[in-house]
Amino acid sequence: MVEETAKMGEKQARRGAAQQKLLAFASLIVLVVGFSLASPRFFQVDNIMSILQATSVNGVLAVGVTMIIITGGIDLSIGTLMTFCAVMTGVVLTWLGAPLLLGVAAGMATGAICGLISGTLVAKAKIPPFIATLGMMLVLKGLSLIVTGTKPIYFNDTEGYTEISQGSLVGKIIPQFPLPNGVLILFLVAGIIAWVLGRTVLGRYTFALGSNEEAVRLSGVNTDRWKMAIYALAGAICGIGGILISSRLNSAQPALGLGYELEAIAAVVIGGTSLSGGRGTITGTLVGALIMSVLTNGLRVLSVAPEWQTVVTGIIIIVAVYADQLRRRSAN
């Protein structure tokens, strides 16, 4: 029963997301061409690298929350969790003077633990994901400010930290194409999670939980345990996002984070993942993240006022959710 439910969920994911991925990719091409024609500054190497650099953070968060949304859940805490992970990385590296690898591990472990707590609230306490993660969002925001005393933590004395995101291994080989390391990390994370979703038991249960959680439970599977594992893995991925953004800024900013969750969720939905669960792909999520970054960057290049950029982002989120509802209606 579980295997059949999982396979059904995977088939629905492929069938339902294929058309949306194609539409999202076409939209990305239209945006790139449109902004390139509107401003010669847009399609330049430096600006393209800036877009990819921005996508690395939003994309990593989107990859993590994709797993949760496929289960039929939601996580509103990923933005502040990213910030808290960056703060804890800063505490370990700068305040405790730990080695670089230990600081990175601490950031990911912080994300995994916080994700596990959110997953426990959802799975064991039966608190709706929206409320559980909303509460976690506020808790993590407060903790970030408390731990740092509302002051940023700088990584000036941590050798090699900025290279995690801003360095370019590709640029050392091909100087004309200085692809940031943050983008390579995004592709690596996306590849691993795509493999997990498509080739592992955890991936099959992720789709099965979103398709018919009750059927999975009645088949004798401990759904609570798997759901907690999914939230913990997503949290660890948010930890990577925290490391990337703090490496990019060379600091852990305790007030940063709010708003990132909306862009990440919008990227996931634009990429074809259904908010009702059971459908989604990492490839689609990456395309959705690129669309959000290209849109934000293009509006900035055209000197559109920041307040109007916010308006456009809100409209995109509304349209993405409405498109998801239309897909669900047509599927039913």
C-alpha atoms as a PDB file:
ATOM      1  CA  MET A   1       0.000   0.000   0.000  1.00  0.00           C
ATOM      2  CA  VAL A   2       2.783   2.421   0.965  1.00  0.00           C
ATOM      3  CA  GLU A   3       4.780   1.643  -2.157  1.00  0.00           C
ATOM      4  CA  GLU A   4       1.706   2.101  -4.337  1.00  0.00           C
ATOM      5  CA  THR A   5       0.870   5.381  -2.655  1.00  0.00           C
ATOM      6  CA  ALA A   6       4.452   6.574  -3.035  1.00  0.00           C
ATOM      7  CA  LYS A   7       4.585   5.602  -6.696  1.00  0.00           C
ATOM      8  CA  MET A   8       1.272   7.329  -7.295  1.00  0.00           C
ATOM      9  CA  GLY A   9       2.638  10.465  -5.642  1.00  0.00           C
ATOM     10  CA  GLU A  10       5.788  10.361  -7.757  1.00  0.00           C
ATOM     11  CA  LYS A  11       3.792   9.912 -10.975  1.00  0.00           C
ATOM     12  CA  GLN A  12       1.541  12.818 -10.049  1.00  0.00           C
ATOM     13  CA  ALA A  13       4.615  14.894  -9.266  1.00  0.00           C
ATOM     14  CA  ARG A  14       6.163  14.236 -12.660  1.00  0.00           C
ATOM     15  CA  ARG A  15       2.949  14.719 -14.608  1.00  0.00           C
ATOM     16  CA  GLY A  16       1.722  17.763 -12.708  1.00  0.00           C
ATOM     17  CA  ALA A  17       5.081  19.553 -12.524  1.00  0.00           C
ATOM     18  CA  ALA A  18       6.288  18.970 -16.095  1.00  0.00           C
ATOM     19  CA  GLN A  19       3.968  21.518 -17.653  1.00  0.00           C
ATOM     20  CA  GLN A  20       4.592  24.050 -14.897  1.00  0.00           C
ATOM     21  CA  LYS A  21       8.380  23.623 -15.217  1.00  0.00           C
ATOM     22  CA  LEU A  22       8.134  24.313 -18.929  1.00  0.00           C
ATOM     23  CA  LEU A  23       6.017  27.395 -18.296  1.00  0.00           C
ATOM     24  CA  ALA A  24       8.378  28.598 -15.565  1.00  0.00           C
ATOM     25  CA  PHE A  25      11.425  28.112 -17.796  1.00  0.00           C
ATOM     26  CA  ALA A  26       9.720  30.007 -20.623  1.00  0.00           C
ATOM     27  CA  SER A  27       8.903  32.813 -18.182  1.00  0.00           C
ATOM     28  CA  LEU A  28      12.550  32.936 -17.116  1.00  0.00           C
ATOM     29  CA  ILE A  29      13.689  33.287 -20.728  1.00  0.00           C
ATOM     30  CA  VAL A  30      11.130  36.040 -21.356  1.00  0.00           C
ATOM     31  CA  LEU A  31      12.310  37.947 -18.271  1.00  0.00           C
ATOM     32  CA  VAL A  32      15.983  37.668 -19.221  1.00  0.00           C
ATOM     33  CA  VAL A  33      15.330  38.799 -22.798  1.00  0.00           C
ATOM     34  CA  GLY A  34      13.012  41.590 -21.689  1.00  0.00           C
ATOM     35  CA  PHE A  35      15.405  43.052 -19.115  1.00  0.00           C
ATOM     36  CA  SER A  36      18.332  42.679 -21.540  1.00  0.00           C
ATOM     37  CA  LEU A  37      16.492  44.744 -24.141  1.00  0.00           C
ATOM     38  CA  ALA A  38      15.382  47.278 -21.549  1.00  0.00           C
ATOM     39  CA  SER A  39      18.879  47.872 -20.166  1.00  0.00           C
ATOM     40  CA  PRO A  40      22.320  47.046 -21.599  1.00  0.00           C
ATOM     41  CA  ARG A  41      23.624  46.749 -18.025  1.00  0.00           C
ATOM     42  CA  PHE A  42      21.502  43.706 -17.292  1.00  0.00           C
ATOM     43  CA  PHE A  43      23.143  41.054 -19.458  1.00  0.00           C
ATOM     44  CA  GLN A  44      26.703  41.670 -18.345  1.00  0.00           C
ATOM     45  CA  VAL A  45      28.976  39.145 -16.677  1.00  0.00           C
ATOM     46  CA  ASP A  46      29.167  41.033 -13.384  1.00  0.00           C
ATOM     47  CA  ASN A  47      25.397  41.410 -13.172  1.00  0.00           C
ATOM     48  CA  ILE A  48      24.735  37.795 -14.138  1.00  0.00           C
ATOM     49  CA  MET A  49      27.141  36.673 -11.416  1.00  0.00           C
ATOM     50  CA  SER A  50      25.313  38.939  -8.979  1.00  0.00           C
ATOM     51  CA  ILE A  51      22.018  37.270  -9.912  1.00  0.00           C
ATOM     52  CA  LEU A  52      23.503  33.803  -9.431  1.00  0.00           C
ATOM     53  CA  GLN A  53      25.027  34.850  -6.111  1.00  0.00           C
ATOM     54  CA  ALA A  54      21.635  36.052  -4.863  1.00  0.00           C
ATOM     55  CA  THR A  55      20.001  32.866  -6.150  1.00  0.00           C
ATOM     56  CA  SER A  56      22.419  30.711  -4.158  1.00  0.00           C
ATOM     57  CA  VAL A  57      20.882  31.801  -0.853  1.00  0.00           C
ATOM     58  CA  ASN A  58      17.236  31.927  -1.904  1.00  0.00           C
ATOM     59  CA  GLY A  59      17.676  28.731  -3.904  1.00  0.00           C
ATOM     60  CA  VAL A  60      19.117  26.760  -0.980  1.00  0.00           C
ATOM     61  CA  LEU A  61      16.220  27.843   1.240  1.00  0.00           C
ATOM     62  CA  ALA A  62      13.769  26.939  -1.525  1.00  0.00           C
ATOM     63  CA  VAL A  63      15.304  23.476  -1.929  1.00  0.00           C
ATOM     64  CA  GLY A  64      14.863  22.836   1.783  1.00  0.00           C
ATOM     65  CA  VAL A  65      11.269  24.000   1.977  1.00  0.00           C
ATOM     66  CA  THR A  66      10.396  22.059  -1.191  1.00  0.00           C
ATOM     67  CA  MET A  67      10.612  18.809   0.781  1.00  0.00           C
ATOM     68  CA  ILE A  68       8.287  20.163   3.460  1.00  0.00           C
ATOM     69  CA  ILE A  69       5.744  21.494   0.974  1.00  0.00           C
ATOM     70  CA  ILE A  70       5.705  18.161  -0.875  1.00  0.00           C
ATOM     71  CA  THR A  71       4.569  16.553   2.399  1.00  0.00           C
ATOM     72  CA  GLY A  72       1.672  19.012   2.489  1.00  0.00           C
ATOM     73  CA  GLY A  73       3.277  21.176   5.166  1.00  0.00           C
ATOM     74  CA  ILE A  74       4.773  24.656   5.249  1.00  0.00           C
ATOM     75  CA  ASP A  75       7.665  26.304   7.074  1.00  0.00           C
ATOM     76  CA  LEU A  76       7.490  30.031   7.760  1.00  0.00           C
ATOM     77  CA  SER A  77      10.597  29.967   9.937  1.00  0.00           C
ATOM     78  CA  ILE A  78      13.209  29.291   7.255  1.00  0.00           C
ATOM     79  CA  GLY A  79      14.225  32.955   6.943  1.00  0.00           C
ATOM     80  CA  THR A  80      14.831  33.522  10.655  1.00  0.00           C
ATOM     81  CA  LEU A  81      16.276  30.012  10.982  1.00  0.00           C
ATOM     82  CA  MET A  82      18.822  30.959   8.321  1.00  0.00           C
ATOM     83  CA  THR A  83      19.704  34.020  10.407  1.00  0.00           C
ATOM     84  CA  PHE A  84      19.973  32.060  13.666  1.00  0.00           C
ATOM     85  CA  CYS A  85      22.239  29.488  12.002  1.00  0.00           C
ATOM     86  CA  ALA A  86      24.461  32.304  10.752  1.00  0.00           C
ATOM     87  CA  VAL A  87      24.565  33.753  14.274  1.00  0.00           C
ATOM     88  CA  MET A  88      25.503  30.413  15.850  1.00  0.00           C
ATOM     89  CA  THR A  89      28.177  29.915  13.203  1.00  0.00           C
ATOM     90  CA  GLY A  90      29.536  33.326  14.145  1.00  0.00           C
ATOM     91  CA  VAL A  91      29.469  32.469  17.849  1.00  0.00           C
ATOM     92  CA  VAL A  92      31.460  29.269  17.312  1.00  0.00           C
ATOM     93  CA  LEU A  93      33.983  30.789  14.885  1.00  0.00           C
ATOM     94  CA  THR A  94      34.567  34.252  16.313  1.00  0.00           C
ATOM     95  CA  TRP A  95      33.658  34.040  19.992  1.00  0.00           C
ATOM     96  CA  LEU A  96      34.961  30.528  20.639  1.00  0.00           C
ATOM     97  CA  GLY A  97      37.710  30.636  18.028  1.00  0.00           C
ATOM     98  CA  ALA A  98      36.853  27.195  16.634  1.00  0.00           C
ATOM     99  CA  PRO A  99      38.186  25.890  13.288  1.00  0.00           C
ATOM    100  CA  LEU A 100      36.285  26.731  10.121  1.00  0.00           C
ATOM    101  CA  LEU A 101      34.859  23.252   9.564  1.00  0.00           C
ATOM    102  CA  LEU A 102      33.567  23.084  13.133  1.00  0.00           C
ATOM    103  CA  GLY A 103      31.812  26.427  12.695  1.00  0.00           C
ATOM    104  CA  VAL A 104      30.167  25.258   9.480  1.00  0.00           C
ATOM    105  CA  ALA A 105      29.084  22.033  11.177  1.00  0.00           C
ATOM    106  CA  ALA A 106      27.663  24.045  14.078  1.00  0.00           C
ATOM    107  CA  GLY A 107      25.559  26.128  11.684  1.00  0.00           C
ATOM    108  CA  MET A 108      24.127  23.052   9.977  1.00  0.00           C
ATOM    109  CA  ALA A 109      23.563  21.269  13.297  1.00  0.00           C
ATOM    110  CA  THR A 110      21.690  24.301  14.625  1.00  0.00           C
ATOM    111  CA  GLY A 111      19.422  24.189  11.591  1.00  0.00           C
ATOM    112  CA  ALA A 112      18.825  20.453  11.951  1.00  0.00           C
ATOM    113  CA  ILE A 113      17.945  20.752  15.654  1.00  0.00           C
ATOM    114  CA  CYS A 114      15.548  23.655  15.075  1.00  0.00           C
ATOM    115  CA  GLY A 115      13.989  21.805  12.143  1.00  0.00           C
ATOM    116  CA  LEU A 116      13.577  18.733  14.319  1.00  0.00           C
ATOM    117  CA  ILE A 117      11.802  20.834  16.949  1.00  0.00           C
ATOM    118  CA  SER A 118       9.426  22.232  14.318  1.00  0.00           C
ATOM    119  CA  GLY A 119       8.829  18.728  12.967  1.00  0.00           C
ATOM    120  CA  THR A 120       8.106  17.440  16.474  1.00  0.00           C
ATOM    121  CA  LEU A 121       5.567  20.202  17.067  1.00  0.00           C
ATOM    122  CA  VAL A 122       3.848  19.310  13.798  1.00  0.00           C
ATOM    123  CA  ALA A 123       4.077  15.503  14.024  1.00  0.00           C
ATOM    124  CA  LYS A 124       3.799  14.810  17.746  1.00  0.00           C
ATOM    125  CA  ALA A 125       1.975  17.816  19.181  1.00  0.00           C
ATOM    126  CA  LYS A 126      -0.292  17.935  16.099  1.00  0.00           C
ATOM    127  CA  ILE A 127       0.061  21.712  15.829  1.00  0.00           C
ATOM    128  CA  PRO A 128      -0.749  22.910  12.288  1.00  0.00           C
ATOM    129  CA  PRO A 129       2.498  23.573  10.358  1.00  0.00           C
ATOM    130  CA  PHE A 130       1.522  27.195   9.725  1.00  0.00           C
ATOM    131  CA  ILE A 131       1.159  27.939  13.449  1.00  0.00           C
ATOM    132  CA  ALA A 132       4.087  25.797  14.617  1.00  0.00           C
ATOM    133  CA  THR A 133       6.551  27.380  12.209  1.00  0.00           C
ATOM    134  CA  LEU A 134       5.121  30.876  12.720  1.00  0.00           C
ATOM    135  CA  GLY A 135       5.847  30.491  16.428  1.00  0.00           C
ATOM    136  CA  MET A 136       9.304  29.116  15.655  1.00  0.00           C
ATOM    137  CA  MET A 137       9.931  32.096  13.362  1.00  0.00           C
ATOM    138  CA  LEU A 138       9.308  34.526  16.219  1.00  0.00           C
ATOM    139  CA  VAL A 139      11.332  32.459  18.700  1.00  0.00           C
ATOM    140  CA  LEU A 140      14.347  32.313  16.390  1.00  0.00           C
ATOM    141  CA  LYS A 141      14.121  36.009  15.583  1.00  0.00           C
ATOM    142  CA  GLY A 142      14.210  36.809  19.289  1.00  0.00           C
ATOM    143  CA  LEU A 143      17.030  34.368  20.013  1.00  0.00           C
ATOM    144  CA  SER A 144      19.185  35.868  17.255  1.00  0.00           C
ATOM    145  CA  LEU A 145      18.804  39.321  18.805  1.00  0.00           C
ATOM    146  CA  ILE A 146      19.373  38.028  22.357  1.00  0.00           C
ATOM    147  CA  VAL A 147      22.507  36.017  21.551  1.00  0.00           C
ATOM    148  CA  THR A 148      24.157  38.867  19.640  1.00  0.00           C
ATOM    149  CA  GLY A 149      22.888  41.724  21.793  1.00  0.00           C
ATOM    150  CA  THR A 150      21.326  43.094  18.568  1.00  0.00           C
ATOM    151  CA  LYS A 151      24.823  43.654  17.126  1.00  0.00           C
ATOM    152  CA  PRO A 152      26.261  41.967  14.004  1.00  0.00           C
ATOM    153  CA  ILE A 153      28.999  39.365  14.310  1.00  0.00           C
ATOM    154  CA  TYR A 154      31.829  39.982  11.858  1.00  0.00           C
ATOM    155  CA  PHE A 155      34.085  37.310  10.349  1.00  0.00           C
ATOM    156  CA  ASN A 156      37.079  39.547   9.615  1.00  0.00           C
ATOM    157  CA  ASP A 157      39.416  37.352  11.637  1.00  0.00           C
ATOM    158  CA  THR A 158      38.081  34.041  10.285  1.00  0.00           C
ATOM    159  CA  GLU A 159      40.391  33.122   7.436  1.00  0.00           C
ATOM    160  CA  GLY A 160      38.692  31.626   4.396  1.00  0.00           C
ATOM    161  CA  TYR A 161      35.109  32.216   5.541  1.00  0.00           C
ATOM    162  CA  THR A 162      34.192  34.715   2.822  1.00  0.00           C
ATOM    163  CA  GLU A 163      35.594  32.306   0.231  1.00  0.00           C
ATOM    164  CA  ILE A 164      32.764  29.877   0.981  1.00  0.00           C
ATOM    165  CA  SER A 165      30.313  32.067  -0.900  1.00  0.00           C
ATOM    166  CA  GLN A 166      32.333  34.753  -2.691  1.00  0.00           C
ATOM    167  CA  GLY A 167      35.311  32.734  -3.859  1.00  0.00           C
ATOM    168  CA  SER A 168      35.360  31.077  -7.263  1.00  0.00           C
ATOM    169  CA  LEU A 169      36.958  27.702  -7.904  1.00  0.00           C
ATOM    170  CA  VAL A 170      35.646  27.877 -11.469  1.00  0.00           C
ATOM    171  CA  GLY A 171      37.151  31.355 -11.917  1.00  0.00           C
ATOM    172  CA  LYS A 172      40.608  30.020 -11.102  1.00  0.00           C
ATOM    173  CA  ILE A 173      40.273  27.636 -14.028  1.00  0.00           C
ATOM    174  CA  ILE A 174      38.247  29.881 -16.360  1.00  0.00           C
ATOM    175  CA  PRO A 175      38.990  33.536 -15.467  1.00  0.00           C
ATOM    176  CA  GLN A 176      36.320  34.763 -17.894  1.00  0.00           C
ATOM    177  CA  PHE A 177      33.623  32.892 -15.951  1.00  0.00           C
ATOM    178  CA  PRO A 178      34.065  33.601 -12.216  1.00  0.00           C
ATOM    179  CA  LEU A 179      31.139  31.489 -11.008  1.00  0.00           C
ATOM    180  CA  PRO A 180      30.782  32.045  -7.237  1.00  0.00           C
ATOM    181  CA  ASN A 181      31.317  29.073  -4.952  1.00  0.00           C
ATOM    182  CA  GLY A 182      27.891  29.752  -3.446  1.00  0.00           C
ATOM    183  CA  VAL A 183      26.300  28.762  -6.740  1.00  0.00           C
ATOM    184  CA  LEU A 184      28.301  25.525  -6.833  1.00  0.00           C
ATOM    185  CA  ILE A 185      27.085  24.770  -3.305  1.00  0.00           C
ATOM    186  CA  LEU A 186      23.495  25.429  -4.418  1.00  0.00           C
ATOM    187  CA  PHE A 187      23.857  22.988  -7.312  1.00  0.00           C
ATOM    188  CA  LEU A 188      25.447  20.404  -5.003  1.00  0.00           C
ATOM    189  CA  VAL A 189      22.665  20.711  -2.421  1.00  0.00           C
ATOM    190  CA  ALA A 190      19.999  20.609  -5.140  1.00  0.00           C
ATOM    191  CA  GLY A 191      21.575  17.529  -6.725  1.00  0.00           C
ATOM    192  CA  ILE A 192      21.732  15.680  -3.417  1.00  0.00           C
ATOM    193  CA  ILE A 193      18.128  16.473  -2.497  1.00  0.00           C
ATOM    194  CA  ALA A 194      16.907  15.598  -5.990  1.00  0.00           C
ATOM    195  CA  TRP A 195      18.623  12.218  -5.572  1.00  0.00           C
ATOM    196  CA  VAL A 196      17.092  11.792  -2.111  1.00  0.00           C
ATOM    197  CA  LEU A 197      13.593  12.519  -3.425  1.00  0.00           C
ATOM    198  CA  GLY A 198      13.949  10.276  -6.438  1.00  0.00           C
ATOM    199  CA  ARG A 199      16.064   7.369  -5.193  1.00  0.00           C
ATOM    200  CA  THR A 200      15.640   6.867  -1.454  1.00  0.00           C
ATOM    201  CA  VAL A 201      13.032   5.655   1.008  1.00  0.00           C
ATOM    202  CA  LEU A 202      12.895   9.114   2.551  1.00  0.00           C
ATOM    203  CA  GLY A 203      12.018  10.550  -0.853  1.00  0.00           C
ATOM    204  CA  ARG A 204       9.265   7.997  -1.462  1.00  0.00           C
ATOM    205  CA  TYR A 205       7.728   8.690   1.927  1.00  0.00           C
ATOM    206  CA  THR A 206       7.983  12.438   1.315  1.00  0.00           C
ATOM    207  CA  PHE A 207       5.712  12.123  -1.710  1.00  0.00           C
ATOM    208  CA  ALA A 208       3.523   9.531  -0.029  1.00  0.00           C
ATOM    209  CA  LEU A 209       2.896  11.770   2.991  1.00  0.00           C
ATOM    210  CA  GLY A 210       1.786  14.570   0.707  1.00  0.00           C
ATOM    211  CA  SER A 211      -0.403  12.312  -1.418  1.00  0.00           C
ATOM    212  CA  ASN A 212      -2.192  10.368   1.334  1.00  0.00           C
ATOM    213  CA  GLU A 213      -0.686  10.489   4.813  1.00  0.00           C
ATOM    214  CA  GLU A 214      -3.507   8.462   6.360  1.00  0.00           C
ATOM    215  CA  ALA A 215      -2.959   5.573   3.939  1.00  0.00           C
ATOM    216  CA  VAL A 216       0.738   5.571   4.811  1.00  0.00           C
ATOM    217  CA  ARG A 217      -0.055   5.523   8.538  1.00  0.00           C
ATOM    218  CA  LEU A 218      -2.578   2.699   8.177  1.00  0.00           C
ATOM    219  CA  SER A 219       0.101   0.677   6.381  1.00  0.00           C
ATOM    220  CA  GLY A 220       2.081   0.547   9.605  1.00  0.00           C
ATOM    221  CA  VAL A 221       4.609   3.280   8.827  1.00  0.00           C
ATOM    222  CA  ASN A 222       5.656   5.647  11.600  1.00  0.00           C
ATOM    223  CA  THR A 223       4.665   8.814   9.746  1.00  0.00           C
ATOM    224  CA  ASP A 224       5.625  11.052  12.661  1.00  0.00           C
ATOM    225  CA  ARG A 225       9.221   9.837  12.574  1.00  0.00           C
ATOM    226  CA  TRP A 226       9.566  10.407   8.830  1.00  0.00           C
ATOM    227  CA  LYS A 227       7.960  13.839   9.021  1.00  0.00           C
ATOM    228  CA  MET A 228      10.348  14.862  11.789  1.00  0.00           C
ATOM    229  CA  ALA A 229      13.288  13.628   9.701  1.00  0.00           C
ATOM    230  CA  ILE A 230      12.134  15.709   6.735  1.00  0.00           C
ATOM    231  CA  TYR A 231      11.853  18.879   8.820  1.00  0.00           C
ATOM    232  CA  ALA A 232      15.276  18.209  10.352  1.00  0.00           C
ATOM    233  CA  LEU A 233      16.882  17.756   6.929  1.00  0.00           C
ATOM    234  CA  ALA A 234      15.218  20.936   5.675  1.00  0.00           C
ATOM    235  CA  GLY A 235      16.553  22.733   8.749  1.00  0.00           C
ATOM    236  CA  ALA A 236      20.101  21.563   8.029  1.00  0.00           C
ATOM    237  CA  ILE A 237      19.744  22.933   4.510  1.00  0.00           C
ATOM    238  CA  CYS A 238      18.628  26.273   5.974  1.00  0.00           C
ATOM    239  CA  GLY A 239      21.835  26.131   8.000  1.00  0.00           C
ATOM    240  CA  ILE A 240      23.756  26.012   4.717  1.00  0.00           C
ATOM    241  CA  GLY A 241      21.773  29.057   3.596  1.00  0.00           C
ATOM    242  CA  GLY A 242      22.825  30.871   6.771  1.00  0.00           C
ATOM    243  CA  ILE A 243      26.464  30.055   6.116  1.00  0.00           C
ATOM    244  CA  LEU A 244      26.189  31.286   2.525  1.00  0.00           C
ATOM    245  CA  ILE A 245      24.568  34.616   3.357  1.00  0.00           C
ATOM    246  CA  SER A 246      26.893  35.363   6.283  1.00  0.00           C
ATOM    247  CA  SER A 247      29.877  34.465   4.093  1.00  0.00           C
ATOM    248  CA  ARG A 248      28.569  36.771   1.389  1.00  0.00           C
ATOM    249  CA  LEU A 249      28.048  39.670   3.844  1.00  0.00           C
ATOM    250  CA  ASN A 250      31.133  38.762   5.934  1.00  0.00           C
ATOM    251  CA  SER A 251      28.876  39.095   8.958  1.00  0.00           C
ATOM    252  CA  ALA A 252      25.939  37.515  10.767  1.00  0.00           C
ATOM    253  CA  GLN A 253      23.191  40.129  10.845  1.00  0.00           C
ATOM    254  CA  PRO A 254      20.721  39.257  13.648  1.00  0.00           C
ATOM    255  CA  ALA A 255      17.915  41.408  12.229  1.00  0.00           C
ATOM    256  CA  LEU A 256      18.144  39.780   8.783  1.00  0.00           C
ATOM    257  CA  GLY A 257      15.899  36.959   7.626  1.00  0.00           C
ATOM    258  CA  LEU A 258      12.285  38.057   7.591  1.00  0.00           C
ATOM    259  CA  GLY A 259      10.919  38.009   4.053  1.00  0.00           C
ATOM    260  CA  TYR A 260      13.278  35.343   2.762  1.00  0.00           C
ATOM    261  CA  GLU A 261      10.727  32.645   3.539  1.00  0.00           C
ATOM    262  CA  LEU A 262       8.154  34.282   1.241  1.00  0.00           C
ATOM    263  CA  GLU A 263      10.535  34.461  -1.709  1.00  0.00           C
ATOM    264  CA  ALA A 264      11.640  30.868  -1.144  1.00  0.00           C
ATOM    265  CA  ILE A 265       8.062  29.576  -0.949  1.00  0.00           C
ATOM    266  CA  ALA A 266       7.133  31.616  -4.026  1.00  0.00           C
ATOM    267  CA  ALA A 267      10.075  30.062  -5.910  1.00  0.00           C
ATOM    268  CA  VAL A 268       8.900  26.591  -4.924  1.00  0.00           C
ATOM    269  CA  VAL A 269       5.317  27.190  -6.089  1.00  0.00           C
ATOM    270  CA  ILE A 270       6.416  28.898  -9.318  1.00  0.00           C
ATOM    271  CA  GLY A 271       8.564  25.843 -10.005  1.00  0.00           C
ATOM    272  CA  GLY A 272       5.555  23.524  -9.945  1.00  0.00           C
ATOM    273  CA  THR A 273       5.424  22.191  -6.394  1.00  0.00           C
ATOM    274  CA  SER A 274       1.840  22.001  -5.156  1.00  0.00           C
ATOM    275  CA  LEU A 275       0.938  23.629  -1.845  1.00  0.00           C
ATOM    276  CA  SER A 276      -1.475  20.754  -1.270  1.00  0.00           C
ATOM    277  CA  GLY A 277       1.455  18.315  -1.283  1.00  0.00           C
ATOM    278  CA  GLY A 278       2.366  15.219  -3.268  1.00  0.00           C
ATOM    279  CA  ARG A 279       3.922  17.033  -6.249  1.00  0.00           C
ATOM    280  CA  GLY A 280       7.179  18.836  -6.816  1.00  0.00           C
ATOM    281  CA  THR A 281      10.676  18.742  -8.289  1.00  0.00           C
ATOM    282  CA  ILE A 282      13.973  20.331  -7.336  1.00  0.00           C
ATOM    283  CA  THR A 283      14.630  21.358 -10.938  1.00  0.00           C
ATOM    284  CA  GLY A 284      11.418  23.359 -10.963  1.00  0.00           C
ATOM    285  CA  THR A 285      12.370  24.967  -7.657  1.00  0.00           C
ATOM    286  CA  LEU A 286      15.729  26.094  -9.076  1.00  0.00           C
ATOM    287  CA  VAL A 287      13.982  27.681 -12.069  1.00  0.00           C
ATOM    288  CA  GLY A 288      11.551  29.397  -9.711  1.00  0.00           C
ATOM    289  CA  ALA A 289      14.424  30.740  -7.587  1.00  0.00           C
ATOM    290  CA  LEU A 290      16.125  32.103 -10.708  1.00  0.00           C
ATOM    291  CA  ILE A 291      12.894  33.818 -11.755  1.00  0.00           C
ATOM    292  CA  MET A 292      12.654  35.578  -8.379  1.00  0.00           C
ATOM    293  CA  SER A 293      16.318  36.683  -8.531  1.00  0.00           C
ATOM    294  CA  VAL A 294      16.120  37.854 -12.147  1.00  0.00           C
ATOM    295  CA  LEU A 295      12.941  39.792 -11.416  1.00  0.00           C
ATOM    296  CA  THR A 296      14.406  41.518  -8.358  1.00  0.00           C
ATOM    297  CA  ASN A 297      17.695  42.305 -10.083  1.00  0.00           C
ATOM    298  CA  GLY A 298      16.025  43.490 -13.292  1.00  0.00           C
ATOM    299  CA  LEU A 299      13.750  45.896 -11.450  1.00  0.00           C
ATOM    300  CA  ARG A 300      16.749  47.228  -9.542  1.00  0.00           C
ATOM    301  CA  VAL A 301      18.734  47.714 -12.763  1.00  0.00           C
ATOM    302  CA  LEU A 302      15.780  49.636 -14.217  1.00  0.00           C
ATOM    303  CA  SER A 303      15.828  51.823 -11.086  1.00  0.00           C
ATOM    304  CA  VAL A 304      12.335  50.790 -10.012  1.00  0.00           C
ATOM    305  CA  ALA A 305      11.609  52.073  -6.500  1.00  0.00           C
ATOM    306  CA  PRO A 306      12.094  49.467  -3.736  1.00  0.00           C
ATOM    307  CA  GLU A 307       8.482  49.812  -2.606  1.00  0.00           C
ATOM    308  CA  TRP A 308       7.288  48.885  -6.095  1.00  0.00           C
ATOM    309  CA  GLN A 309       9.660  45.947  -6.144  1.00  0.00           C
ATOM    310  CA  THR A 310       7.873  44.708  -3.014  1.00  0.00           C
ATOM    311  CA  VAL A 311       4.504  45.192  -4.719  1.00  0.00           C
ATOM    312  CA  VAL A 312       5.642  43.146  -7.727  1.00  0.00           C
ATOM    313  CA  THR A 313       6.963  40.361  -5.477  1.00  0.00           C
ATOM    314  CA  GLY A 314       3.607  40.214  -3.690  1.00  0.00           C
ATOM    315  CA  ILE A 315       1.746  39.988  -6.985  1.00  0.00           C
ATOM    316  CA  ILE A 316       4.032  37.176  -8.127  1.00  0.00           C
ATOM    317  CA  ILE A 317       3.274  35.213  -4.945  1.00  0.00           C
ATOM    318  CA  ILE A 318      -0.492  35.668  -5.417  1.00  0.00           C
ATOM    319  CA  VAL A 319      -0.323  34.607  -9.065  1.00  0.00           C
ATOM    320  CA  ALA A 320       1.823  31.571  -8.188  1.00  0.00           C
ATOM    321  CA  VAL A 321      -0.635  30.383  -5.532  1.00  0.00           C
ATOM    322  CA  TYR A 322      -3.601  30.965  -7.847  1.00  0.00           C
ATOM    323  CA  ALA A 323      -1.857  28.979 -10.598  1.00  0.00           C
ATOM    324  CA  ASP A 324      -1.336  26.154  -8.113  1.00  0.00           C
ATOM    325  CA  GLN A 325      -5.060  26.151  -7.321  1.00  0.00           C
ATOM    326  CA  LEU A 326      -5.894  25.965 -11.032  1.00  0.00           C
ATOM    327  CA  ARG A 327      -3.524  22.993 -11.423  1.00  0.00           C
ATOM    328  CA  ARG A 328      -5.210  21.195  -8.532  1.00  0.00           C
ATOM    329  CA  ARG A 329      -8.671  21.798  -9.975  1.00  0.00           C
ATOM    330  CA  SER A 330      -7.657  20.504 -13.379  1.00  0.00           C
ATOM    331  CA  ALA A 331      -6.020  17.456 -11.775  1.00  0.00           C
ATOM    332  CA  ASN A 332      -9.186  16.653  -9.870  1.00  0.00           C
END
